[in-house]
């Protein structure tokens, strides 16, 4: 083989190798599943049955659900809120939604598999009137009568969170950290939204993806794991964020 043939062969090999490498690192697309719930979140009518806990400014001026706090962030936990979808979803589901952070700092949480815990034992709907009142204060969800899993993402509320971006998976009641992973979401000024969030919850554990990139994975190792329940969007002030195209699929 002469020098010219060697160069051509080497270039061809590099091209093939480069293609194979790109295919190896490409994230897998979201699987095709049976959809059991869809909400575009584009008008007030789409959330007419949802329940807000806390003081929030809610509008759809941009064609998607935009939320901001109405209470000054100086009030601490009193300025935060949770917006509940009242549907009860089964175990073994995948939740997908579009997310765009518009103004920071702040923090977002998705509560899922959320149920209420009754004083005499047993559980109930997370919005059951027999449960203690809630108004967005974090302890009302983690140190009270709510059983839920939660994924915290776009954690930018405090300096240490802005310096090192992580997503946290926790279990309530309590504040048990089940797993965490690096959060790829950029700051607002560098973002190219919307970002597609995808959370898989099964009896075997939880996986959380952003734009099909796996961010958090946790495998259940025994003990009680919340099953069926509702989902709720939580924001920490003064974040302003936009949501759309909420979907739930059966695994």
Protein backbone atom coordinates (compact mmCIF):
# COMPACT_ATOMS: atom_id res chain seq x y z
CA UNK A 1 0.00 0.00 0.00
CA UNK A 2 1.49 3.34 -1.04
CA UNK A 3 1.40 6.51 1.05
CA UNK A 4 -1.65 7.93 -0.78
CA UNK A 5 -3.65 4.74 -0.24
CA UNK A 6 -2.63 4.70 3.42
CA UNK A 7 -3.89 8.27 3.95
CA UNK A 8 -7.22 7.52 2.25
CA UNK A 9 -7.68 4.31 4.25
CA UNK A 10 -6.85 6.06 7.51
CA UNK A 11 -9.33 8.87 6.77
CA UNK A 12 -12.06 6.36 5.96
CA UNK A 13 -11.38 4.45 9.18
CA UNK A 14 -11.50 7.69 11.20
CA UNK A 15 -14.83 8.65 9.64
CA UNK A 16 -16.36 5.28 10.45
CA UNK A 17 -14.94 5.33 13.97
CA UNK A 18 -16.24 8.85 14.50
CA UNK A 19 -19.71 7.82 13.37
CA UNK A 20 -19.69 4.80 15.66
CA UNK A 21 -18.55 6.96 18.57
CA UNK A 22 -21.31 9.48 17.95
CA UNK A 23 -23.86 6.67 17.85
CA UNK A 24 -22.56 5.29 21.14
CA UNK A 25 -22.92 8.56 23.06
CA UNK A 26 -26.28 9.54 21.55
CA UNK A 27 -28.97 9.36 24.21
CA UNK A 28 -31.80 6.89 23.53
CA UNK A 29 -35.13 8.48 22.58
CA UNK A 30 -38.09 8.31 24.92
CA UNK A 31 -39.82 4.94 24.45
CA UNK A 32 -43.26 4.64 22.89
CA UNK A 33 -45.75 3.87 25.65
CA UNK A 34 -49.49 3.92 26.22
CA UNK A 35 -50.51 7.46 27.14
CA UNK A 36 -53.10 7.68 29.93
CA UNK A 37 -53.15 11.46 30.49
CA UNK A 38 -52.39 14.57 28.47
CA UNK A 39 -52.70 18.25 29.38
CA UNK A 40 -51.32 20.94 27.04
CA UNK A 41 -51.24 23.53 29.86
CA UNK A 42 -52.00 26.30 27.39
CA UNK A 43 -55.16 27.89 28.88
CA UNK A 44 -56.73 28.45 32.28
CA UNK A 45 -59.40 25.89 31.36
CA UNK A 46 -56.70 23.21 31.27
CA UNK A 47 -56.10 23.58 35.02
CA UNK A 48 -59.58 24.53 36.22
CA UNK A 49 -59.68 21.49 38.50
CA UNK A 50 -56.11 21.85 39.80
CA UNK A 51 -55.49 23.04 43.36
CA UNK A 52 -53.02 25.76 44.32
CA UNK A 53 -51.37 25.84 47.73
CA UNK A 54 -49.69 29.20 48.35
CA UNK A 55 -49.88 32.58 46.65
CA UNK A 56 -49.05 32.44 42.95
CA UNK A 57 -49.33 34.53 39.82
CA UNK A 58 -50.57 32.21 37.09
CA UNK A 59 -51.00 33.17 33.43
CA UNK A 60 -51.00 31.69 29.93
CA UNK A 61 -50.00 34.80 27.99
CA UNK A 62 -47.14 32.97 26.26
CA UNK A 63 -49.30 29.99 25.24
CA UNK A 64 -48.03 27.90 28.17
CA UNK A 65 -48.53 27.87 31.94
CA UNK A 66 -46.32 30.49 33.57
CA UNK A 67 -46.01 30.69 37.36
CA UNK A 68 -44.42 33.21 39.71
CA UNK A 69 -44.70 33.92 43.43
CA UNK A 70 -46.94 36.76 44.64
CA UNK A 71 -45.40 36.92 48.11
CA UNK A 72 -41.96 38.50 48.49
CA UNK A 73 -39.09 36.01 48.47
CA UNK A 74 -37.92 37.73 51.67
CA UNK A 75 -40.73 35.84 53.42
CA UNK A 76 -38.85 32.58 52.91
CA UNK A 77 -40.97 29.44 52.75
CA UNK A 78 -44.16 31.52 52.91
CA UNK A 79 -43.42 32.73 49.37
CA UNK A 80 -43.28 29.24 47.82
CA UNK A 81 -46.17 27.25 46.39
CA UNK A 82 -47.37 23.88 45.05
CA UNK A 83 -49.85 23.38 42.19
CA UNK A 84 -51.55 19.98 42.29
CA UNK A 85 -53.01 17.98 39.44
CA UNK A 86 -55.87 16.14 41.19
CA UNK A 87 -55.65 13.01 39.03
CA UNK A 88 -54.61 9.80 40.78
CA UNK A 89 -52.09 7.96 38.64
CA UNK A 90 -51.21 4.29 39.01
CA UNK A 91 -47.84 2.86 39.91
CA UNK A 92 -45.40 2.13 37.08
CA UNK A 93 -45.74 5.33 35.04
CA UNK A 94 -43.65 7.79 33.08
CA UNK A 95 -44.30 11.53 33.44
CA UNK A 96 -43.17 14.01 30.78
CA UNK A 97 -43.41 17.81 30.64
CA UNK A 98 -41.75 20.82 29.03
CA UNK A 99 -39.91 23.21 31.32
CA UNK A 100 -38.47 26.67 30.79
CA UNK A 101 -36.88 28.81 33.51
CA UNK A 102 -37.52 32.49 32.74
CA UNK A 103 -36.11 34.28 35.79
CA UNK A 104 -33.84 32.99 38.55
CA UNK A 105 -32.79 32.29 41.27
CA UNK A 106 -35.19 29.63 42.53
CA UNK A 107 -35.83 25.92 42.54
CA UNK A 108 -38.33 23.46 41.09
CA UNK A 109 -39.69 20.23 42.49
CA UNK A 110 -42.08 17.67 41.07
CA UNK A 111 -43.98 15.74 43.73
CA UNK A 112 -45.22 12.39 42.44
CA UNK A 113 -46.91 9.27 43.84
CA UNK A 114 -48.31 11.68 46.44
CA UNK A 115 -50.93 10.48 48.93
CA UNK A 116 -52.28 11.70 52.24
CA UNK A 117 -51.63 9.81 55.48
CA UNK A 118 -54.59 9.52 57.87
CA UNK A 119 -54.03 9.75 61.66
CA UNK A 120 -55.64 6.38 62.36
CA UNK A 121 -53.69 4.61 59.64
CA UNK A 122 -54.31 4.17 55.97
CA UNK A 123 -54.01 6.73 53.23
CA UNK A 124 -56.20 9.01 51.13
CA UNK A 125 -56.10 11.48 48.25
CA UNK A 126 -53.39 14.11 48.74
CA UNK A 127 -56.09 16.81 48.59
CA UNK A 128 -58.39 15.16 51.13
CA UNK A 129 -59.93 17.74 53.48
CA UNK A 130 -59.04 15.63 56.51
CA UNK A 131 -55.36 16.40 56.04
CA UNK A 132 -53.56 19.30 57.71
CA UNK A 133 -53.71 22.66 55.88
CA UNK A 134 -50.84 23.40 53.47
CA UNK A 135 -49.73 26.68 51.89
CA UNK A 136 -46.42 25.96 50.15
CA UNK A 137 -44.21 25.73 53.25
CA UNK A 138 -41.82 22.82 52.70
CA UNK A 139 -42.26 21.20 56.13
CA UNK A 140 -45.98 20.85 55.39
CA UNK A 141 -45.03 18.31 52.72
CA UNK A 142 -42.02 16.57 54.26
CA UNK A 143 -42.74 16.63 58.01
CA UNK A 144 -46.50 16.19 58.01
CA UNK A 145 -49.14 13.82 56.64
CA UNK A 146 -48.03 13.56 53.01
CA UNK A 147 -46.38 10.50 51.50
CA UNK A 148 -44.58 11.26 48.23
CA UNK A 149 -41.50 11.02 46.12
CA UNK A 150 -39.98 14.24 44.81
CA UNK A 151 -37.42 15.24 42.22
CA UNK A 152 -35.76 18.64 42.73
CA UNK A 153 -34.29 20.16 39.57
CA UNK A 154 -33.09 23.57 38.42
CA UNK A 155 -31.78 24.05 41.95
CA UNK A 156 -30.58 27.67 41.86
CA UNK A 157 -32.08 29.14 45.04
CA UNK A 158 -28.94 29.33 47.21
CA UNK A 159 -25.31 30.21 46.32
CA UNK A 160 -24.07 26.65 46.87
CA UNK A 161 -26.77 25.34 44.51
CA UNK A 162 -25.85 27.85 41.83
CA UNK A 163 -22.17 26.98 42.17
CA UNK A 164 -22.70 23.23 41.68
CA UNK A 165 -25.85 22.08 39.90
CA UNK A 166 -27.47 18.86 41.14
CA UNK A 167 -30.86 17.15 40.94
CA UNK A 168 -32.06 15.41 44.10
CA UNK A 169 -34.51 12.55 44.55
CA UNK A 170 -36.10 12.44 48.01
CA UNK A 171 -38.78 10.53 49.91
CA UNK A 172 -41.42 11.97 52.24
CA UNK A 173 -42.45 11.98 54.97
CA UNK A 174 -38.96 12.88 56.00
CA UNK A 175 -36.08 14.29 54.03
CA UNK A 176 -34.35 11.09 52.96
CA UNK A 177 -32.04 11.64 49.97
CA UNK A 178 -32.40 8.58 47.73
CA UNK A 179 -30.17 9.66 44.84
CA UNK A 180 -28.70 12.68 43.10
CA UNK A 181 -27.07 13.50 39.79
CA UNK A 182 -25.52 16.35 37.85
CA UNK A 183 -28.13 18.77 36.50
CA UNK A 184 -27.38 19.74 32.86
CA UNK A 185 -29.84 22.64 32.74
CA UNK A 186 -28.02 25.90 31.92
CA UNK A 187 -28.67 29.23 33.57
CA UNK A 188 -31.45 31.33 32.08
CA UNK A 189 -29.18 33.51 29.94
CA UNK A 190 -27.62 30.46 28.24
CA UNK A 191 -30.72 28.31 27.86
CA UNK A 192 -32.26 27.07 24.61
CA UNK A 193 -35.68 26.01 25.94
CA UNK A 194 -37.96 24.28 26.30
CA UNK A 195 -36.36 21.28 27.99
CA UNK A 196 -38.20 17.97 27.97
CA UNK A 197 -38.34 16.42 31.42
CA UNK A 198 -39.04 12.71 31.75
CA UNK A 199 -39.48 10.78 34.98
CA UNK A 200 -40.01 7.01 35.18
CA UNK A 201 -41.45 5.65 38.42
CA UNK A 202 -41.84 1.92 38.95
CA UNK A 203 -41.86 -0.53 41.84
CA UNK A 204 -38.23 -1.21 41.00
CA UNK A 205 -37.10 2.42 41.30
CA UNK A 206 -36.94 5.84 39.66
CA UNK A 207 -35.17 7.34 36.64
CA UNK A 208 -35.09 11.04 35.71
CA UNK A 209 -34.10 12.34 32.27
CA UNK A 210 -33.67 15.80 30.77
CA UNK A 211 -33.81 15.86 26.96
CA UNK A 212 -33.37 12.05 27.13
CA UNK A 213 -30.13 12.40 29.09
CA UNK A 214 -30.32 10.27 32.24
CA UNK A 215 -29.70 12.54 35.22
CA UNK A 216 -30.77 10.49 38.25
CA UNK A 217 -31.28 6.75 38.74
CA UNK A 218 -32.29 4.97 41.91
CA UNK A 219 -33.06 1.29 42.46
CA UNK A 220 -35.45 0.35 45.25
CA UNK A 221 -33.87 -2.03 47.75
CA UNK A 222 -36.84 -2.82 49.95
CA UNK A 223 -39.07 -0.99 52.36
CA UNK A 224 -42.16 1.08 51.62
CA UNK A 225 -42.20 2.91 48.30
CA UNK A 226 -45.18 5.15 47.43
CA UNK A 227 -47.30 3.63 44.66
CA UNK A 228 -50.28 5.33 43.08
CA UNK A 229 -50.86 9.01 43.69
CA UNK A 230 -50.99 12.55 42.34
CA UNK A 231 -48.37 14.96 40.99
CA UNK A 232 -47.69 18.55 41.93
CA UNK A 233 -45.41 21.30 40.62
CA UNK A 234 -43.53 23.25 43.32
CA UNK A 235 -41.51 26.43 42.89
CA UNK A 236 -39.29 28.34 45.29
CA UNK A 237 -39.43 32.12 45.01
CA UNK A 238 -38.44 34.23 43.17
CA UNK A 239 -38.23 31.81 40.22
CA UNK A 240 -40.45 32.44 37.20
CA UNK A 241 -40.96 29.35 35.05
CA UNK A 242 -43.10 28.03 32.22
CA UNK A 243 -44.60 24.55 31.76
CA UNK A 244 -46.43 22.80 28.93
CA UNK A 245 -47.36 19.44 27.39
CA UNK A 246 -47.78 17.37 30.52
CA UNK A 247 -48.13 13.68 29.69
CA UNK A 248 -48.39 10.49 31.74
CA UNK A 249 -47.75 7.07 30.26
CA UNK A 250 -48.24 3.57 31.56
CA UNK A 251 -45.05 1.51 31.73
